[in-house]
Amino acid sequence: MEAIFPITALQKRKKEVKAAADKGIVRITEQGVGAYVFSSEKAYEDSVRKAVADALYEARLHDAIAEARADIKAGRIYTDVDAFFDDLDKEMA
């Protein structure tokens, strides 16, 4: 969970804010409303890497679902596990 601090903490609790920013994204509020984000370089880079990995995973999942729907529409389905493995064995031979 991301840390949340009021903007006054940047002056009064610098050590605490910086320690939280070393671990991840810190949200800074003004008058109780989100205003800024703060992080260390490493936490920022980790956050970007995670966002990219999540987006790639979601794209692969989307493609897999689309492919599965096309297989179902084309009748390429199995309702029996043994039939699936029999066909798989034939393809491997």
Protein backbone atom coordinates (compact mmCIF):
# COMPACT_ATOMS: atom_id res chain seq x y z
CA MET A 1 0.00 0.00 0.00
CA GLU A 2 1.30 3.43 -0.91
CA ALA A 3 2.17 5.82 1.90
CA ILE A 4 0.18 9.05 2.18
CA PHE A 5 1.51 12.20 3.83
CA PRO A 6 0.27 15.78 4.05
CA ILE A 7 2.44 18.32 2.27
CA THR A 8 3.65 19.67 5.62
CA ALA A 9 5.41 16.36 6.22
CA LEU A 10 7.95 17.28 3.55
CA GLN A 11 9.31 19.85 6.02
CA LYS A 12 8.45 18.39 9.40
CA ARG A 13 8.98 14.64 8.80
CA LYS A 14 11.58 14.52 6.00
CA LYS A 15 13.26 11.33 7.23
CA GLU A 16 9.97 9.45 7.44
CA VAL A 17 8.83 10.62 3.99
CA LYS A 18 12.19 9.76 2.41
CA ALA A 19 12.22 6.31 4.08
CA ALA A 20 8.74 5.63 2.68
CA ALA A 21 9.84 6.91 -0.75
CA ASP A 22 12.76 4.44 -0.73
CA LYS A 23 10.20 1.62 -0.44
CA GLY A 24 7.68 2.84 -2.99
CA ILE A 25 5.45 5.62 -4.24
CA VAL A 26 4.43 8.24 -1.66
CA ARG A 27 1.30 10.29 -2.14
CA ILE A 28 1.40 13.88 -0.94
CA THR A 29 -1.87 15.62 -0.09
CA GLU A 30 -2.83 19.26 0.12
CA GLN A 31 -5.87 20.07 2.25
CA GLY A 32 -6.74 16.38 2.33
CA VAL A 33 -6.75 15.96 -1.45
CA GLY A 34 -4.13 14.07 -3.48
CA ALA A 35 -1.76 16.59 -5.05
CA TYR A 36 1.67 15.04 -5.75
CA VAL A 37 3.59 11.79 -5.83
CA PHE A 38 7.13 11.31 -4.54
CA SER A 39 9.53 8.39 -4.76
CA SER A 40 13.15 7.37 -4.96
CA GLU A 41 14.59 6.70 -8.42
CA LYS A 42 14.68 2.96 -7.71
CA ALA A 43 11.07 2.87 -6.47
CA TYR A 44 9.99 4.81 -9.56
CA GLU A 45 11.87 2.48 -11.93
CA ASP A 46 10.44 -0.57 -10.11
CA SER A 47 6.95 0.91 -10.45
CA VAL A 48 7.42 1.49 -14.19
CA ARG A 49 8.83 -2.03 -14.69
CA LYS A 50 5.86 -3.53 -12.84
CA ALA A 51 3.40 -1.47 -14.91
CA VAL A 52 5.05 -2.64 -18.14
CA ALA A 53 5.05 -6.28 -16.99
CA ASP A 54 1.37 -6.02 -15.97
CA ALA A 55 0.44 -4.48 -19.34
CA LEU A 56 2.30 -7.20 -21.26
CA TYR A 57 0.62 -9.91 -19.18
CA GLU A 58 -2.79 -8.35 -19.80
CA ALA A 59 -2.10 -8.18 -23.56
CA ARG A 60 -1.04 -11.85 -23.64
CA LEU A 61 -4.13 -12.80 -21.66
CA HIS A 62 -6.34 -10.82 -24.05
CA ASP A 63 -4.75 -12.58 -27.04
CA ALA A 64 -5.15 -16.00 -25.41
CA ILE A 65 -8.84 -15.37 -24.73
CA ALA A 66 -9.39 -14.15 -28.30
CA GLU A 67 -7.64 -17.26 -29.63
CA ALA A 68 -9.73 -19.51 -27.37
CA ARG A 69 -12.93 -17.84 -28.56
CA ALA A 70 -11.88 -18.36 -32.18
CA ASP A 71 -11.17 -22.05 -31.42
CA ILE A 72 -14.61 -22.47 -29.85
CA LYS A 73 -16.29 -20.72 -32.78
CA ALA A 74 -14.41 -22.95 -35.24
CA GLY A 75 -15.35 -26.08 -33.30
CA ARG A 76 -11.81 -26.81 -32.13
CA ILE A 77 -12.86 -27.92 -28.66
CA TYR A 78 -12.55 -30.98 -26.47
CA THR A 79 -15.10 -32.18 -23.98
CA ASP A 80 -13.08 -35.25 -23.03
CA VAL A 81 -9.57 -35.14 -21.54
CA ASP A 82 -8.64 -38.51 -23.07
CA ALA A 83 -9.62 -37.32 -26.55
CA PHE A 84 -7.44 -34.26 -26.09
CA PHE A 85 -4.40 -36.34 -25.12
CA ASP A 86 -5.06 -38.81 -27.93
CA ASP A 87 -5.01 -35.96 -30.47
CA LEU A 88 -1.95 -34.47 -28.83
CA ASP A 89 -0.13 -37.79 -29.09
CA LYS A 90 -1.06 -37.99 -32.79
CA GLU A 91 0.35 -34.50 -33.40
CA MET A 92 3.61 -35.38 -31.63
CA ALA A 93 4.10 -38.58 -33.62
